[in-house]
PDB file of all heavy atoms in Angstrom:
ATOM      1  N   ALA A   1      13.343  40.390 -56.842  1.00  0.00           N
ATOM      2  CA  ALA A   1      13.106  38.973 -57.107  1.00  0.00           C
ATOM      3  C   ALA A   1      12.230  38.761 -58.349  1.00  0.00           C
ATOM      4  O   ALA A   1      12.054  37.643 -58.794  1.00  0.00           O
ATOM      5  CB  ALA A   1      12.448  38.321 -55.901  1.00  0.00           C
ATOM      6  N   GLN A   2      11.663  39.841 -58.858  1.00  0.00           N
ATOM      7  CA  GLN A   2      10.795  39.825 -60.037  1.00  0.00           C
ATOM      8  C   GLN A   2       9.555  38.955 -59.840  1.00  0.00           C
ATOM      9  O   GLN A   2       9.189  38.172 -60.701  1.00  0.00           O
ATOM     10  CB  GLN A   2      11.573  39.376 -61.282  1.00  0.00           C
ATOM     11  CG  GLN A   2      12.698  40.309 -61.628  1.00  0.00           C
ATOM     12  CD  GLN A   2      13.456  39.883 -62.872  1.00  0.00           C
ATOM     13  OE1 GLN A   2      13.417  38.740 -63.291  1.00  0.00           O
ATOM     14  NE2 GLN A   2      14.160  40.834 -63.459  1.00  0.00           N
ATOM     15  N   TRP A   3       8.893  39.116 -58.668  1.00  0.00           N
ATOM     16  CA  TRP A   3       7.641  38.424 -58.461  1.00  0.00           C
ATOM     17  C   TRP A   3       6.665  39.283 -57.680  1.00  0.00           C
ATOM     18  O   TRP A   3       7.035  40.245 -57.044  1.00  0.00           O
ATOM     19  CB  TRP A   3       7.807  37.040 -57.842  1.00  0.00           C
ATOM     20  CG  TRP A   3       8.589  36.922 -56.576  1.00  0.00           C
ATOM     21  CD1 TRP A   3       9.902  36.640 -56.476  1.00  0.00           C
ATOM     22  CD2 TRP A   3       8.111  37.061 -55.236  1.00  0.00           C
ATOM     23  NE1 TRP A   3      10.275  36.596 -55.153  1.00  0.00           N
ATOM     24  CE2 TRP A   3       9.193  36.843 -54.369  1.00  0.00           C
ATOM     25  CE3 TRP A   3       6.872  37.351 -54.672  1.00  0.00           C
ATOM     26  CZ2 TRP A   3       9.078  36.897 -52.989  1.00  0.00           C
ATOM     27  CZ3 TRP A   3       6.751  37.419 -53.295  1.00  0.00           C
ATOM     28  CH2 TRP A   3       7.838  37.183 -52.473  1.00  0.00           C
ATOM     29  N   GLY A   4       5.392  38.901 -57.799  1.00  0.00           N
ATOM     30  CA  GLY A   4       4.324  39.629 -57.129  1.00  0.00           C
ATOM     31  C   GLY A   4       3.878  40.845 -57.917  1.00  0.00           C
ATOM     32  O   GLY A   4       4.401  41.153 -58.992  1.00  0.00           O
ATOM     33  N   GLY A   5       2.881  41.505 -57.391  1.00  0.00           N
ATOM     34  CA  GLY A   5       2.402  42.760 -57.961  1.00  0.00           C
ATOM     35  C   GLY A   5       2.028  42.683 -59.422  1.00  0.00           C
ATOM     36  O   GLY A   5       1.332  41.785 -59.865  1.00  0.00           O
ATOM     37  N   PHE A   6       2.543  43.628 -60.181  1.00  0.00           N
ATOM     38  CA  PHE A   6       2.224  43.733 -61.608  1.00  0.00           C
ATOM     39  C   PHE A   6       3.374  43.133 -62.417  1.00  0.00           C
ATOM     40  O   PHE A   6       4.381  43.789 -62.669  1.00  0.00           O
ATOM     41  CB  PHE A   6       1.998  45.200 -61.988  1.00  0.00           C
ATOM     42  CG  PHE A   6       1.499  45.386 -63.393  1.00  0.00           C
ATOM     43  CD1 PHE A   6       0.181  45.102 -63.709  1.00  0.00           C
ATOM     44  CD2 PHE A   6       2.339  45.847 -64.390  1.00  0.00           C
ATOM     45  CE1 PHE A   6      -0.284  45.275 -65.003  1.00  0.00           C
ATOM     46  CE2 PHE A   6       1.869  46.027 -65.677  1.00  0.00           C
ATOM     47  CZ  PHE A   6       0.559  45.742 -65.986  1.00  0.00           C
ATOM     48  N   ASN A   7       3.262  41.866 -62.754  1.00  0.00           N
ATOM     49  CA  ASN A   7       4.269  41.153 -63.547  1.00  0.00           C
ATOM     50  C   ASN A   7       5.653  41.156 -62.909  1.00  0.00           C
ATOM     51  O   ASN A   7       6.665  41.048 -63.608  1.00  0.00           O
ATOM     52  CB  ASN A   7       4.347  41.720 -64.969  1.00  0.00           C
ATOM     53  CG  ASN A   7       3.039  41.572 -65.719  1.00  0.00           C
ATOM     54  OD1 ASN A   7       2.306  40.609 -65.514  1.00  0.00           O
ATOM     55  ND2 ASN A   7       2.720  42.525 -66.567  1.00  0.00           N
ATOM     56  N   GLY A   8       5.731  41.345 -61.598  1.00  0.00           N
ATOM     57  CA  GLY A   8       7.011  41.285 -60.896  1.00  0.00           C
ATOM     58  C   GLY A   8       7.974  42.401 -61.233  1.00  0.00           C
ATOM     59  O   GLY A   8       9.176  42.296 -61.002  1.00  0.00           O
ATOM     60  N   ARG A   9       7.483  43.495 -61.761  1.00  0.00           N
ATOM     61  CA  ARG A   9       8.370  44.595 -62.152  1.00  0.00           C
ATOM     62  C   ARG A   9       7.801  45.935 -61.702  1.00  0.00           C
ATOM     63  O   ARG A   9       6.638  46.032 -61.315  1.00  0.00           O
ATOM     64  CB  ARG A   9       8.570  44.604 -63.667  1.00  0.00           C
ATOM     65  CG  ARG A   9       7.285  44.855 -64.451  1.00  0.00           C
ATOM     66  CD  ARG A   9       7.584  45.131 -65.921  1.00  0.00           C
ATOM     67  NE  ARG A   9       6.406  45.201 -66.742  1.00  0.00           N
ATOM     68  CZ  ARG A   9       5.568  46.233 -66.799  1.00  0.00           C
ATOM     69  NH1 ARG A   9       5.757  47.299 -66.038  1.00  0.00           N
ATOM     70  NH2 ARG A   9       4.524  46.223 -67.595  1.00  0.00           N
ATOM     71  N   ALA A  10       8.647  46.961 -61.775  1.00  0.00           N
ATOM     72  CA  ALA A  10       8.189  48.317 -61.470  1.00  0.00           C
ATOM     73  C   ALA A  10       7.187  48.757 -62.539  1.00  0.00           C
ATOM     74  O   ALA A  10       7.245  48.300 -63.687  1.00  0.00           O
ATOM     75  CB  ALA A  10       9.373  49.274 -61.435  1.00  0.00           C
ATOM     76  N   LEU A  11       6.294  49.626 -62.152  1.00  0.00           N
ATOM     77  CA  LEU A  11       5.314  50.129 -63.113  1.00  0.00           C
ATOM     78  C   LEU A  11       5.989  50.970 -64.183  1.00  0.00           C
ATOM     79  O   LEU A  11       6.993  51.637 -63.929  1.00  0.00           O
ATOM     80  CB  LEU A  11       4.247  50.953 -62.400  1.00  0.00           C
ATOM     81  CG  LEU A  11       3.383  50.183 -61.414  1.00  0.00           C
ATOM     82  CD1 LEU A  11       2.408  51.136 -60.728  1.00  0.00           C
ATOM     83  CD2 LEU A  11       2.636  49.058 -62.095  1.00  0.00           C
ATOM     84  N   GLN A  12       5.427  50.942 -65.379  1.00  0.00           N
ATOM     85  CA  GLN A  12       5.945  51.701 -66.504  1.00  0.00           C
ATOM     86  C   GLN A  12       4.817  52.514 -67.119  1.00  0.00           C
ATOM     87  O   GLN A  12       3.637  52.193 -66.944  1.00  0.00           O
ATOM     88  CB  GLN A  12       6.542  50.759 -67.551  1.00  0.00           C
ATOM     89  CG  GLN A  12       7.688  49.929 -67.041  1.00  0.00           C
ATOM     90  CD  GLN A  12       8.139  48.871 -68.048  1.00  0.00           C
ATOM     91  OE1 GLN A  12       7.612  48.769 -69.145  1.00  0.00           O
ATOM     92  NE2 GLN A  12       9.114  48.083 -67.654  1.00  0.00           N
ATOM     93  N   VAL A  13       5.189  53.538 -67.863  1.00  0.00           N
ATOM     94  CA  VAL A  13       4.201  54.360 -68.558  1.00  0.00           C
ATOM     95  C   VAL A  13       3.346  53.462 -69.443  1.00  0.00           C
ATOM     96  O   VAL A  13       3.865  52.597 -70.155  1.00  0.00           O
ATOM     97  CB  VAL A  13       4.895  55.453 -69.409  1.00  0.00           C
ATOM     98  CG1 VAL A  13       3.881  56.195 -70.259  1.00  0.00           C
ATOM     99  CG2 VAL A  13       5.652  56.414 -68.517  1.00  0.00           C
ATOM    100  N   GLY A  14       2.040  53.634 -69.366  1.00  0.00           N
ATOM    101  CA  GLY A  14       1.121  52.867 -70.188  1.00  0.00           C
ATOM    102  C   GLY A  14       0.562  51.626 -69.519  1.00  0.00           C
ATOM    103  O   GLY A  14      -0.340  50.984 -70.056  1.00  0.00           O
ATOM    104  N   ASP A  15       1.091  51.270 -68.338  1.00  0.00           N
ATOM    105  CA  ASP A  15       0.551  50.114 -67.623  1.00  0.00           C
ATOM    106  C   ASP A  15      -0.884  50.400 -67.183  1.00  0.00           C
ATOM    107  O   ASP A  15      -1.219  51.521 -66.804  1.00  0.00           O
ATOM    108  CB  ASP A  15       1.384  49.801 -66.371  1.00  0.00           C
ATOM    109  CG  ASP A  15       2.691  49.108 -66.698  1.00  0.00           C
ATOM    110  OD1 ASP A  15       2.849  48.620 -67.838  1.00  0.00           O
ATOM    111  OD2 ASP A  15       3.557  49.055 -65.809  1.00  0.00           O
ATOM    112  N   HIS A  16      -1.718  49.392 -67.216  1.00  0.00           N
ATOM    113  CA  HIS A  16      -3.085  49.481 -66.710  1.00  0.00           C
ATOM    114  C   HIS A  16      -3.227  48.430 -65.618  1.00  0.00           C
ATOM    115  O   HIS A  16      -3.036  47.250 -65.881  1.00  0.00           O
ATOM    116  CB  HIS A  16      -4.115  49.229 -67.818  1.00  0.00           C
ATOM    117  CG  HIS A  16      -4.225  50.352 -68.783  1.00  0.00           C
ATOM    118  ND1 HIS A  16      -5.224  51.282 -68.720  1.00  0.00           N
ATOM    119  CD2 HIS A  16      -3.442  50.718 -69.815  1.00  0.00           C
ATOM    120  CE1 HIS A  16      -5.060  52.170 -69.689  1.00  0.00           C
ATOM    121  NE2 HIS A  16      -3.983  51.835 -70.369  1.00  0.00           N
ATOM    122  N   LEU A  17      -3.517  48.884 -64.416  1.00  0.00           N
ATOM    123  CA  LEU A  17      -3.661  47.977 -63.287  1.00  0.00           C
ATOM    124  C   LEU A  17      -5.112  47.548 -63.145  1.00  0.00           C
ATOM    125  O   LEU A  17      -6.008  48.395 -63.135  1.00  0.00           O
ATOM    126  CB  LEU A  17      -3.214  48.660 -61.996  1.00  0.00           C
ATOM    127  CG  LEU A  17      -1.777  49.149 -61.964  1.00  0.00           C
ATOM    128  CD1 LEU A  17      -1.527  49.927 -60.687  1.00  0.00           C
ATOM    129  CD2 LEU A  17      -0.827  47.984 -62.085  1.00  0.00           C
ATOM    130  N   PRO A  18      -5.353  46.261 -63.012  1.00  0.00           N
ATOM    131  CA  PRO A  18      -6.728  45.825 -62.768  1.00  0.00           C
ATOM    132  C   PRO A  18      -7.152  46.218 -61.360  1.00  0.00           C
ATOM    133  O   PRO A  18      -6.341  46.202 -60.438  1.00  0.00           O
ATOM    134  CB  PRO A  18      -6.654  44.300 -62.916  1.00  0.00           C
ATOM    135  CG  PRO A  18      -5.231  43.965 -62.611  1.00  0.00           C
ATOM    136  CD  PRO A  18      -4.408  45.154 -63.051  1.00  0.00           C
ATOM    137  N   SER A  19      -8.407  46.600 -61.206  1.00  0.00           N
ATOM    138  CA  SER A  19      -8.875  46.963 -59.873  1.00  0.00           C
ATOM    139  C   SER A  19      -9.189  45.713 -59.080  1.00  0.00           C
ATOM    140  O   SER A  19      -9.397  44.635 -59.633  1.00  0.00           O
ATOM    141  CB  SER A  19     -10.104  47.868 -59.964  1.00  0.00           C
ATOM    142  OG  SER A  19     -11.145  47.185 -60.616  1.00  0.00           O
ATOM    143  N   GLY A  20      -9.210  45.901 -57.778  1.00  0.00           N
ATOM    144  CA  GLY A  20      -9.508  44.790 -56.885  1.00  0.00           C
ATOM    145  C   GLY A  20     -11.003  44.645 -56.713  1.00  0.00           C
ATOM    146  O   GLY A  20     -11.735  44.479 -57.671  1.00  0.00           O
ATOM    147  N   PHE A  21     -11.455  44.779 -55.494  1.00  0.00           N
ATOM    148  CA  PHE A  21     -12.860  44.604 -55.189  1.00  0.00           C
ATOM    149  C   PHE A  21     -13.658  45.835 -55.577  1.00  0.00           C
ATOM    150  O   PHE A  21     -13.150  46.947 -55.593  1.00  0.00           O
ATOM    151  CB  PHE A  21     -13.037  44.335 -53.697  1.00  0.00           C
ATOM    152  CG  PHE A  21     -12.240  43.154 -53.234  1.00  0.00           C
ATOM    153  CD1 PHE A  21     -11.044  43.339 -52.557  1.00  0.00           C
ATOM    154  CD2 PHE A  21     -12.657  41.872 -53.499  1.00  0.00           C
ATOM    155  CE1 PHE A  21     -10.296  42.254 -52.127  1.00  0.00           C
ATOM    156  CE2 PHE A  21     -11.919  40.777 -53.088  1.00  0.00           C
ATOM    157  CZ  PHE A  21     -10.734  40.972 -52.400  1.00  0.00           C
ATOM    158  N   ASP A  22     -14.933  45.637 -55.851  1.00  0.00           N
ATOM    159  CA  ASP A  22     -15.847  46.736 -56.162  1.00  0.00           C
ATOM    160  C   ASP A  22     -16.560  47.158 -54.894  1.00  0.00           C
ATOM    161  O   ASP A  22     -17.167  46.324 -54.223  1.00  0.00           O
ATOM    162  CB  ASP A  22     -16.889  46.285 -57.177  1.00  0.00           C
ATOM    163  CG  ASP A  22     -16.790  47.043 -58.470  1.00  0.00           C
ATOM    164  OD1 ASP A  22     -16.129  48.086 -58.489  1.00  0.00           O
ATOM    165  OD2 ASP A  22     -17.389  46.588 -59.456  1.00  0.00           O
ATOM    166  N   TYR A  23     -16.461  48.421 -54.543  1.00  0.00           N
ATOM    167  CA  TYR A  23     -17.160  48.950 -53.377  1.00  0.00           C
ATOM    168  C   TYR A  23     -18.060  50.079 -53.829  1.00  0.00           C
ATOM    169  O   TYR A  23     -17.635  50.971 -54.543  1.00  0.00           O
ATOM    170  CB  TYR A  23     -16.180  49.488 -52.333  1.00  0.00           C
ATOM    171  CG  TYR A  23     -15.381  48.402 -51.654  1.00  0.00           C
ATOM    172  CD1 TYR A  23     -14.058  48.182 -51.992  1.00  0.00           C
ATOM    173  CD2 TYR A  23     -15.957  47.608 -50.673  1.00  0.00           C
ATOM    174  CE1 TYR A  23     -13.329  47.190 -51.360  1.00  0.00           C
ATOM    175  CE2 TYR A  23     -15.238  46.617 -50.042  1.00  0.00           C
ATOM    176  CZ  TYR A  23     -13.920  46.416 -50.390  1.00  0.00           C
ATOM    177  OH  TYR A  23     -13.209  45.441 -49.773  1.00  0.00           O
ATOM    178  N   SER A  24     -19.302  50.037 -53.411  1.00  0.00           N
ATOM    179  CA  SER A  24     -20.231  51.088 -53.806  1.00  0.00           C
ATOM    180  C   SER A  24     -20.291  52.209 -52.772  1.00  0.00           C
ATOM    181  O   SER A  24     -20.711  53.308 -53.077  1.00  0.00           O
ATOM    182  CB  SER A  24     -21.633  50.502 -54.017  1.00  0.00           C
ATOM    183  OG  SER A  24     -22.054  49.844 -52.849  1.00  0.00           O
ATOM    184  N   GLU A  25     -19.851  51.944 -51.548  1.00  0.00           N
ATOM    185  CA  GLU A  25     -19.911  52.968 -50.511  1.00  0.00           C
ATOM    186  C   GLU A  25     -18.590  53.727 -50.409  1.00  0.00           C
ATOM    187  O   GLU A  25     -17.575  53.300 -50.937  1.00  0.00           O
ATOM    188  CB  GLU A  25     -20.255  52.340 -49.164  1.00  0.00           C
ATOM    189  CG  GLU A  25     -19.115  51.527 -48.603  1.00  0.00           C
ATOM    190  CD  GLU A  25     -19.519  50.133 -48.178  1.00  0.00           C
ATOM    191  OE1 GLU A  25     -20.493  49.616 -48.692  1.00  0.00           O
ATOM    192  OE2 GLU A  25     -18.819  49.570 -47.331  1.00  0.00           O
ATOM    193  N   SER A  26     -18.620  54.831 -49.709  1.00  0.00           N
ATOM    194  CA  SER A  26     -17.415  55.627 -49.477  1.00  0.00           C
ATOM    195  C   SER A  26     -16.536  54.956 -48.435  1.00  0.00           C
ATOM    196  O   SER A  26     -17.033  54.217 -47.591  1.00  0.00           O
ATOM    197  CB  SER A  26     -17.791  57.025 -48.968  1.00  0.00           C
ATOM    198  OG  SER A  26     -18.588  57.677 -49.909  1.00  0.00           O
ATOM    199  N   PRO A  27     -15.221  55.232 -48.457  1.00  0.00           N
ATOM    200  CA  PRO A  27     -14.343  54.669 -47.433  1.00  0.00           C
ATOM    201  C   PRO A  27     -14.726  55.160 -46.042  1.00  0.00           C
ATOM    202  O   PRO A  27     -15.255  56.264 -45.892  1.00  0.00           O
ATOM    203  CB  PRO A  27     -12.957  55.185 -47.807  1.00  0.00           C
ATOM    204  CG  PRO A  27     -13.081  55.863 -49.111  1.00  0.00           C
ATOM    205  CD  PRO A  27     -14.515  56.061 -49.412  1.00  0.00           C
ATOM    206  N   ARG A  28     -14.439  54.344 -45.025  1.00  0.00           N
ATOM    207  CA  ARG A  28     -14.753  54.725 -43.641  1.00  0.00           C
ATOM    208  C   ARG A  28     -13.878  55.857 -43.150  1.00  0.00           C
ATOM    209  O   ARG A  28     -14.318  56.724 -42.421  1.00  0.00           O
ATOM    210  CB  ARG A  28     -14.555  53.518 -42.718  1.00  0.00           C
ATOM    211  CG  ARG A  28     -15.775  52.677 -42.575  1.00  0.00           C
ATOM    212  CD  ARG A  28     -15.559  51.534 -41.624  1.00  0.00           C
ATOM    213  NE  ARG A  28     -15.486  52.012 -40.256  1.00  0.00           N
ATOM    214  CZ  ARG A  28     -15.009  51.299 -39.259  1.00  0.00           C
ATOM    215  NH1 ARG A  28     -14.532  50.098 -39.474  1.00  0.00           N
ATOM    216  NH2 ARG A  28     -14.983  51.767 -38.046  1.00  0.00           N
TER     217      ARG A  28
END
């Protein structure tokens, strides 16, 4: 459908994904 995620397309070489939330602790 070309929507959502990263510009609605599959990832390509050279793409840079923005990170979500910042967590300072280790995962549970």
